[in-house]
Amino acid sequence: MSLASDWMRLMTAHDVARLLPDIPVLRDLCRSMAVLEAILSPDWSSRYHSYDAGWGPGEEMASMSNGSGDEYSIVFSAAGAYIRGFAHEAVMSPYGKDGPWPGVLDSVPEVFRQCVREPAFCDEDSMPVVTACLWRAVGDDCWRVGEIDYPDGVSDPDGAAYLFARLVDPSPEAFRRFAEDYYEVPVDLDAVRHVYALRPLTQTMVAALNADLSLDDLADDLVAARYPSVAG
């Protein structure tokens, strides 16, 4: 295993905070990944990444779900951005301690406390389903994480290395590696670069990724991601 791989295994939310891009760049990255997956997977339920520009009043949300219990949600609002991640096998699972790991949510500022209590991010008993949490308010010069005593000798204790891998490596090449592995199909790198640049989507670009899909088929997804498109 390479040194880079070893480091990734030992990454926590604090390391992710140092690597995440600024809010506007992160938002555009999430929009791009959601559109790429809408093309590769017309069936919404099979997608890894999604984006909803109308998630709530004045709020947009990017989400990831691997279908096996691991997920993240990123709420973008006028206040900034709030990130909640849950890795179901992480040792810092709230189900191991009957509540979130100490420090994960304790320092979340009041401007984001409604996200902590958001029913969509909690279980049926109103317990926040979270192993990693980050936030960045408008005006902050960096991403924030709570003061956490991580368990000793545990690789990826909060699941951050796995959950946020494509957010801390925001390259088209990284997405292509993921997509080819997950969907088991060749993925055109030039088309991925086109979408990552948020260039207007054309039928030619759509066909390069999925020959069975038309630009019209993507109408709702493009609206949800506020993505530009042109006919042709």
Protein backbone atom coordinates (compact mmCIF):
# COMPACT_ATOMS: atom_id res chain seq x y z
CA MET A 1 0.00 0.00 0.00
CA SER A 2 1.31 3.48 -0.88
CA LEU A 3 2.04 6.18 1.67
CA ALA A 4 -0.86 8.16 0.21
CA SER A 5 -3.20 5.22 0.79
CA ASP A 6 -1.95 4.83 4.37
CA TRP A 7 -2.58 8.51 5.03
CA MET A 8 -6.08 8.32 3.57
CA ARG A 9 -6.93 5.43 5.86
CA LEU A 10 -5.91 7.51 8.88
CA MET A 11 -7.78 10.63 7.81
CA THR A 12 -10.40 12.15 10.13
CA ALA A 13 -12.82 15.05 9.73
CA HIS A 14 -10.05 17.38 10.92
CA ASP A 15 -7.91 16.37 7.95
CA VAL A 16 -10.87 16.72 5.60
CA ALA A 17 -11.43 20.26 6.90
CA ARG A 18 -7.93 21.24 5.78
CA LEU A 19 -8.47 19.79 2.30
CA LEU A 20 -12.00 20.83 1.41
CA PRO A 21 -12.33 23.64 -1.16
CA ASP A 22 -14.15 26.88 -0.44
CA ILE A 23 -17.95 26.77 -0.37
CA PRO A 24 -18.61 27.97 -3.96
CA VAL A 25 -16.11 25.45 -5.36
CA LEU A 26 -17.55 22.66 -3.24
CA ARG A 27 -21.08 23.51 -4.35
CA ASP A 28 -20.11 23.41 -8.02
CA LEU A 29 -18.28 20.11 -7.52
CA CYS A 30 -21.40 18.59 -5.96
CA ARG A 31 -23.59 19.89 -8.79
CA SER A 32 -21.24 18.38 -11.37
CA MET A 33 -21.11 14.96 -9.71
CA ALA A 34 -24.90 14.87 -9.43
CA VAL A 35 -25.36 15.62 -13.14
CA LEU A 36 -22.77 13.04 -14.15
CA GLU A 37 -24.57 10.40 -12.13
CA ALA A 38 -27.93 11.45 -13.57
CA ILE A 39 -26.47 10.65 -16.98
CA LEU A 40 -24.79 7.41 -15.93
CA SER A 41 -27.74 6.22 -13.82
CA PRO A 42 -31.19 7.40 -15.03
CA ASP A 43 -32.64 5.41 -12.10
CA TRP A 44 -32.38 7.90 -9.22
CA SER A 45 -32.42 5.20 -6.55
CA SER A 46 -29.17 3.72 -7.89
CA ARG A 47 -27.19 6.96 -7.79
CA TYR A 48 -24.40 7.71 -5.36
CA HIS A 49 -24.47 11.52 -5.58
CA SER A 50 -27.51 13.79 -5.90
CA TYR A 51 -28.27 17.50 -5.70
CA ASP A 52 -31.46 19.38 -4.85
CA ALA A 53 -31.40 23.13 -5.42
CA GLY A 54 -34.88 23.41 -3.90
CA TRP A 55 -34.35 21.30 -0.79
CA GLY A 56 -35.68 23.96 1.59
CA PRO A 57 -36.45 27.69 1.74
CA GLY A 58 -33.17 29.32 0.78
CA GLU A 59 -31.36 26.00 1.06
CA GLU A 60 -29.74 23.59 -1.39
CA MET A 61 -28.52 20.12 -0.52
CA ALA A 62 -25.91 17.80 -1.95
CA SER A 63 -26.10 14.21 -0.82
CA MET A 64 -24.28 10.90 -1.12
CA SER A 65 -25.65 7.45 -0.36
CA ASN A 66 -23.95 4.18 -1.20
CA GLY A 67 -27.08 2.10 -0.60
CA SER A 68 -25.40 0.22 2.24
CA GLY A 69 -25.94 2.69 5.06
CA ASP A 70 -23.12 5.20 4.43
CA GLU A 71 -24.13 8.72 3.49
CA TYR A 72 -23.48 12.42 3.70
CA SER A 73 -25.58 15.56 3.38
CA ILE A 74 -24.28 19.06 2.65
CA VAL A 75 -26.66 21.94 3.24
CA PHE A 76 -25.79 25.17 1.42
CA SER A 77 -27.57 28.30 2.67
CA ALA A 78 -27.09 32.01 3.16
CA ALA A 79 -25.42 31.12 6.46
CA GLY A 80 -22.73 29.03 4.79
CA ALA A 81 -22.45 25.24 4.56
CA TYR A 82 -23.07 22.37 6.99
CA ILE A 83 -21.78 18.84 6.35
CA ARG A 84 -23.08 15.72 8.09
CA GLY A 85 -21.51 12.34 7.36
CA PHE A 86 -22.48 8.89 8.61
CA ALA A 87 -20.41 5.74 8.15
CA HIS A 88 -22.43 2.88 9.57
CA GLU A 89 -19.43 0.70 10.47
CA ALA A 90 -17.31 3.50 11.96
CA VAL A 91 -16.33 3.05 15.60
CA MET A 92 -17.70 6.55 16.23
CA SER A 93 -21.23 5.54 15.26
CA PRO A 94 -23.85 7.08 17.57
CA TYR A 95 -25.37 3.63 17.93
CA GLY A 96 -22.32 2.45 19.83
CA LYS A 97 -22.68 5.11 22.52
CA ASP A 98 -26.43 5.82 22.43
CA GLY A 99 -25.69 9.22 20.94
CA PRO A 100 -23.21 11.15 18.79
CA TRP A 101 -19.54 10.77 19.71
CA PRO A 102 -18.49 13.48 22.21
CA GLY A 103 -17.38 16.64 20.46
CA VAL A 104 -18.78 15.84 17.02
CA LEU A 105 -21.80 18.15 17.38
CA ASP A 106 -21.11 20.04 20.61
CA SER A 107 -19.46 23.04 18.94
CA VAL A 108 -21.83 23.47 15.99
CA PRO A 109 -22.76 27.18 16.07
CA GLU A 110 -26.32 28.33 16.54
CA VAL A 111 -26.61 29.35 12.88
CA PHE A 112 -26.40 25.64 11.95
CA ARG A 113 -28.19 24.08 14.94
CA GLN A 114 -31.36 23.58 12.89
CA CYS A 115 -29.33 21.25 10.67
CA VAL A 116 -28.33 19.20 13.70
CA ARG A 117 -32.01 18.81 14.59
CA GLU A 118 -33.20 18.29 11.00
CA PRO A 119 -35.49 15.21 11.00
CA ALA A 120 -33.97 13.99 7.72
CA PHE A 121 -30.61 13.75 9.52
CA CYS A 122 -31.96 12.00 12.61
CA ASP A 123 -33.44 8.57 13.33
CA GLU A 124 -36.98 7.79 14.49
CA ASP A 125 -35.95 8.67 18.06
CA SER A 126 -34.68 12.12 16.96
CA MET A 127 -31.05 11.10 17.51
CA PRO A 128 -28.66 12.71 15.00
CA VAL A 129 -27.28 10.05 12.68
CA VAL A 130 -23.71 11.30 12.35
CA THR A 131 -20.10 10.18 12.69
CA ALA A 132 -18.44 13.26 11.14
CA CYS A 133 -19.55 16.88 11.04
CA LEU A 134 -18.00 19.98 9.49
CA TRP A 135 -19.29 23.49 8.91
CA ARG A 136 -18.21 26.82 7.48
CA ALA A 137 -20.10 30.03 8.10
CA VAL A 138 -20.01 32.94 5.69
CA GLY A 139 -16.98 34.97 6.67
CA ASP A 140 -15.03 32.00 8.03
CA ASP A 141 -11.59 31.53 6.52
CA CYS A 142 -11.63 27.74 6.95
CA TRP A 143 -13.84 24.73 7.64
CA ARG A 144 -14.58 23.97 11.29
CA VAL A 145 -14.75 20.72 13.23
CA GLY A 146 -15.48 20.14 16.92
CA GLU A 147 -12.88 19.26 19.55
CA ILE A 148 -12.85 15.47 19.41
CA ASP A 149 -10.83 12.80 21.20
CA TYR A 150 -10.54 10.15 18.51
CA PRO A 151 -10.17 6.51 19.53
CA ASP A 152 -6.55 5.33 19.48
CA GLY A 153 -5.24 2.86 16.95
CA VAL A 154 -8.30 2.94 14.69
CA SER A 155 -8.13 3.58 10.96
CA ASP A 156 -10.76 6.04 9.65
CA PRO A 157 -12.56 6.23 13.03
CA ASP A 158 -15.32 8.58 11.82
CA GLY A 159 -15.52 7.34 8.23
CA ALA A 160 -14.30 10.67 6.87
CA ALA A 161 -11.63 9.17 4.59
CA TYR A 162 -14.21 7.04 2.83
CA LEU A 163 -17.19 9.40 2.93
CA PHE A 164 -15.48 12.51 1.59
CA ALA A 165 -12.87 10.97 -0.73
CA ARG A 166 -14.19 12.68 -3.87
CA LEU A 167 -14.64 16.02 -2.11
CA VAL A 168 -10.98 16.25 -1.07
CA ASP A 169 -9.80 15.03 -4.49
CA PRO A 170 -12.00 17.16 -6.75
CA SER A 171 -10.49 16.01 -10.03
CA PRO A 172 -12.27 14.58 -13.07
CA GLU A 173 -9.85 11.67 -12.96
CA ALA A 174 -10.93 10.77 -9.43
CA PHE A 175 -14.59 10.78 -10.43
CA ARG A 176 -13.90 8.62 -13.48
CA ARG A 177 -12.09 6.05 -11.31
CA PHE A 178 -15.05 5.96 -8.94
CA ALA A 179 -17.69 5.77 -11.68
CA GLU A 180 -15.95 3.05 -13.66
CA ASP A 181 -15.63 0.97 -10.51
CA TYR A 182 -19.18 1.60 -9.26
CA TYR A 183 -21.10 1.38 -12.55
CA GLU A 184 -18.69 -1.04 -14.24
CA VAL A 185 -18.75 0.85 -17.56
CA PRO A 186 -16.12 2.91 -19.41
CA VAL A 187 -16.45 6.62 -18.60
CA ASP A 188 -15.30 9.26 -21.08
CA LEU A 189 -12.81 11.53 -19.31
CA ASP A 190 -13.32 14.49 -21.67
CA ALA A 191 -17.05 14.39 -20.94
CA VAL A 192 -16.37 14.33 -17.21
CA ARG A 193 -14.06 17.32 -17.58
CA HIS A 194 -16.78 19.12 -19.55
CA VAL A 195 -19.31 18.63 -16.77
CA TYR A 196 -16.82 19.45 -14.01
CA ALA A 197 -16.28 22.79 -15.75
CA LEU A 198 -20.07 23.35 -15.71
CA ARG A 199 -20.05 23.95 -19.44
CA PRO A 200 -23.47 23.85 -21.12
CA LEU A 201 -24.54 20.27 -21.59
CA THR A 202 -25.17 19.09 -25.15
CA GLN A 203 -26.58 15.91 -26.64
CA THR A 204 -23.09 15.04 -27.86
CA MET A 205 -21.73 15.17 -24.30
CA VAL A 206 -24.66 13.16 -22.95
CA ALA A 207 -24.17 10.46 -25.60
CA ALA A 208 -20.47 10.23 -24.78
CA LEU A 209 -21.47 9.05 -21.31
CA ASN A 210 -24.74 7.24 -22.04
CA ALA A 211 -25.76 6.55 -25.63
CA ASP A 212 -29.27 5.54 -24.53
CA LEU A 213 -30.10 8.88 -22.89
CA SER A 214 -31.30 12.13 -24.44
CA LEU A 215 -30.78 15.65 -23.19
CA ASP A 216 -34.54 15.97 -22.71
CA ASP A 217 -34.47 13.00 -20.33
CA LEU A 218 -32.28 15.06 -18.01
CA ALA A 219 -34.53 18.11 -17.78
CA ASP A 220 -35.58 17.63 -14.14
CA ASP A 221 -32.08 16.69 -13.01
CA LEU A 222 -30.55 19.75 -14.66
CA VAL A 223 -33.07 21.99 -12.94
CA ALA A 224 -32.38 20.31 -9.60
CA ALA A 225 -28.66 20.97 -10.02
CA ARG A 226 -29.12 24.42 -11.62
CA TYR A 227 -26.99 23.15 -14.49
CA PRO A 228 -26.79 24.91 -17.90
CA SER A 229 -27.91 23.06 -21.02
CA VAL A 230 -28.32 23.78 -24.70
CA ALA A 231 -30.02 21.79 -27.42
CA GLY A 232 -27.86 20.01 -29.94
